[in-house]
C-alpha atoms as a PDB file:
ATOM      1  CA  MET A   1     -15.949  75.329  -1.980  1.00  0.00           C
ATOM      2  CA  SER A   2     -18.965  76.586  -3.900  1.00  0.00           C
ATOM      3  CA  ALA A   3     -22.117  74.613  -4.614  1.00  0.00           C
ATOM      4  CA  PRO A   4     -22.091  72.481  -7.754  1.00  0.00           C
ATOM      5  CA  PRO A   5     -23.659  74.087 -10.801  1.00  0.00           C
ATOM      6  CA  GLY A   6     -27.082  72.841 -11.879  1.00  0.00           C
ATOM      7  CA  THR A   7     -27.653  70.113 -14.400  1.00  0.00           C
ATOM      8  CA  ASP A   8     -28.151  72.747 -17.125  1.00  0.00           C
ATOM      9  CA  TRP A   9     -24.413  73.529 -17.116  1.00  0.00           C
ATOM     10  CA  ARG A  10     -22.727  72.460 -20.399  1.00  0.00           C
ATOM     11  CA  PRO A  11     -19.177  71.463 -19.397  1.00  0.00           C
ATOM     12  CA  VAL A  12     -16.347  71.861 -21.877  1.00  0.00           C
ATOM     13  CA  LEU A  13     -12.575  71.648 -21.488  1.00  0.00           C
ATOM     14  CA  ALA A  14     -11.008  74.975 -20.567  1.00  0.00           C
ATOM     15  CA  PRO A  15      -9.263  76.687 -23.513  1.00  0.00           C
ATOM     16  CA  ALA A  16      -5.744  75.921 -22.254  1.00  0.00           C
ATOM     17  CA  ILE A  17      -6.477  72.180 -21.840  1.00  0.00           C
ATOM     18  CA  VAL A  18      -5.503  69.599 -24.452  1.00  0.00           C
ATOM     19  CA  ARG A  19      -6.743  66.020 -24.268  1.00  0.00           C
ATOM     20  CA  ARG A  20      -4.341  63.372 -25.568  1.00  0.00           C
ATOM     21  CA  HIS A  21      -4.036  59.606 -25.445  1.00  0.00           C
ATOM     22  CA  ASP A  22      -0.708  58.309 -24.127  1.00  0.00           C
ATOM     23  CA  PRO A  23      -0.084  54.940 -25.801  1.00  0.00           C
ATOM     24  CA  VAL A  24       2.738  54.085 -23.375  1.00  0.00           C
ATOM     25  CA  ARG A  25       0.445  54.393 -20.345  1.00  0.00           C
ATOM     26  CA  ASP A  26      -2.625  53.439 -22.392  1.00  0.00           C
ATOM     27  CA  ALA A  27      -4.364  56.341 -20.678  1.00  0.00           C
ATOM     28  CA  ASP A  28      -6.042  59.580 -21.634  1.00  0.00           C
ATOM     29  CA  LEU A  29      -4.323  62.716 -20.389  1.00  0.00           C
ATOM     30  CA  LEU A  30      -5.370  66.303 -19.838  1.00  0.00           C
ATOM     31  CA  LEU A  31      -2.447  68.596 -20.596  1.00  0.00           C
ATOM     32  CA  LEU A  32      -2.095  72.084 -19.169  1.00  0.00           C
ATOM     33  CA  PRO A  33       0.941  74.297 -19.153  1.00  0.00           C
ATOM     34  CA  GLU A  34       3.198  72.758 -16.481  1.00  0.00           C
ATOM     35  CA  ARG A  35       0.555  70.238 -15.392  1.00  0.00           C
ATOM     36  CA  VAL A  36      -0.751  66.837 -16.531  1.00  0.00           C
ATOM     37  CA  GLY A  37      -3.858  65.000 -15.380  1.00  0.00           C
ATOM     38  CA  VAL A  38      -4.212  61.262 -15.962  1.00  0.00           C
ATOM     39  CA  LEU A  39      -7.790  60.109 -16.512  1.00  0.00           C
ATOM     40  CA  ARG A  40      -8.250  56.746 -14.814  1.00  0.00           C
ATOM     41  CA  GLY A  41     -11.147  54.331 -15.037  1.00  0.00           C
ATOM     42  CA  SER A  42     -14.331  55.798 -16.445  1.00  0.00           C
ATOM     43  CA  ALA A  43     -13.038  59.382 -16.093  1.00  0.00           C
ATOM     44  CA  ALA A  44     -12.034  59.411 -19.777  1.00  0.00           C
ATOM     45  CA  ALA A  45     -15.594  58.474 -20.790  1.00  0.00           C
ATOM     46  CA  VAL A  46     -16.996  61.272 -18.627  1.00  0.00           C
ATOM     47  CA  VAL A  47     -14.580  63.927 -19.910  1.00  0.00           C
ATOM     48  CA  GLY A  48     -15.094  62.714 -23.476  1.00  0.00           C
ATOM     49  CA  LEU A  49     -18.726  63.799 -23.236  1.00  0.00           C
ATOM     50  CA  CYS A  50     -17.796  67.310 -22.063  1.00  0.00           C
ATOM     51  CA  ASP A  51     -17.972  68.982 -25.451  1.00  0.00           C
ATOM     52  CA  GLY A  52     -20.018  72.048 -24.517  1.00  0.00           C
ATOM     53  CA  THR A  53     -23.154  70.768 -26.233  1.00  0.00           C
ATOM     54  CA  ARG A  54     -24.393  68.358 -23.556  1.00  0.00           C
ATOM     55  CA  GLU A  55     -25.809  69.468 -20.223  1.00  0.00           C
ATOM     56  CA  VAL A  56     -24.715  67.588 -17.100  1.00  0.00           C
ATOM     57  CA  GLY A  57     -28.094  65.836 -17.047  1.00  0.00           C
ATOM     58  CA  ASP A  58     -27.529  64.587 -20.604  1.00  0.00           C
ATOM     59  CA  ILE A  59     -24.058  63.310 -19.668  1.00  0.00           C
ATOM     60  CA  VAL A  60     -25.488  61.498 -16.648  1.00  0.00           C
ATOM     61  CA  ALA A  61     -28.253  59.947 -18.777  1.00  0.00           C
ATOM     62  CA  GLU A  62     -25.808  58.704 -21.410  1.00  0.00           C
ATOM     63  CA  LEU A  63     -23.413  57.260 -18.837  1.00  0.00           C
ATOM     64  CA  THR A  64     -26.287  55.601 -16.969  1.00  0.00           C
ATOM     65  CA  GLU A  65     -27.064  53.700 -20.178  1.00  0.00           C
ATOM     66  CA  ARG A  66     -23.398  52.774 -20.704  1.00  0.00           C
ATOM     67  CA  PHE A  67     -22.762  51.728 -17.097  1.00  0.00           C
ATOM     68  CA  PRO A  68     -25.993  50.244 -15.692  1.00  0.00           C
ATOM     69  CA  GLY A  69     -25.998  49.998 -11.917  1.00  0.00           C
ATOM     70  CA  ALA A  70     -23.107  52.451 -11.456  1.00  0.00           C
ATOM     71  CA  PRO A  71     -23.710  55.438  -9.135  1.00  0.00           C
ATOM     72  CA  VAL A  72     -23.531  57.839 -12.089  1.00  0.00           C
ATOM     73  CA  ALA A  73     -26.228  60.256 -10.894  1.00  0.00           C
ATOM     74  CA  THR A  74     -24.311  61.143  -7.734  1.00  0.00           C
ATOM     75  CA  GLU A  75     -20.680  60.686  -8.742  1.00  0.00           C
ATOM     76  CA  VAL A  76     -20.552  62.306 -12.195  1.00  0.00           C
ATOM     77  CA  PRO A  77     -21.920  65.754 -11.222  1.00  0.00           C
ATOM     78  CA  ALA A  78     -19.551  65.860  -8.231  1.00  0.00           C
ATOM     79  CA  PHE A  79     -16.602  64.793 -10.426  1.00  0.00           C
ATOM     80  CA  LEU A  80     -17.398  67.464 -13.022  1.00  0.00           C
ATOM     81  CA  HIS A  81     -17.702  70.089 -10.292  1.00  0.00           C
ATOM     82  CA  ARG A  82     -14.247  69.165  -8.938  1.00  0.00           C
ATOM     83  CA  LEU A  83     -12.746  69.421 -12.435  1.00  0.00           C
ATOM     84  CA  ARG A  84     -14.369  72.828 -12.841  1.00  0.00           C
ATOM     85  CA  GLU A  85     -12.968  74.055  -9.521  1.00  0.00           C
ATOM     86  CA  GLU A  86      -9.504  72.831 -10.569  1.00  0.00           C
ATOM     87  CA  GLY A  87      -9.769  74.840 -13.785  1.00  0.00           C
ATOM     88  CA  TRP A  88      -9.950  71.852 -16.152  1.00  0.00           C
ATOM     89  CA  LEU A  89     -13.535  72.585 -17.238  1.00  0.00           C
ATOM     90  CA  ARG A  90     -15.560  75.736 -17.804  1.00  0.00           C
END
């Protein structure tokens, strides 16, 4: 496993990924060929900010405002790094 990228990384969904809302599950999904990821909890809010314009630090700052007291500064960068390693983000 490689080290997480710095906070200047601007995460964006990989080109093959499509984000959709499933009204039956009332959940956001990430669709890949032959694979589906279900975004649970605040994961949809995190991924929703990954538009390629915001750096990780900006995403953390915005989520810290939305979710005061949550461990955003440690959990969000690690979560984004895992998604990148899985091929969901670039």
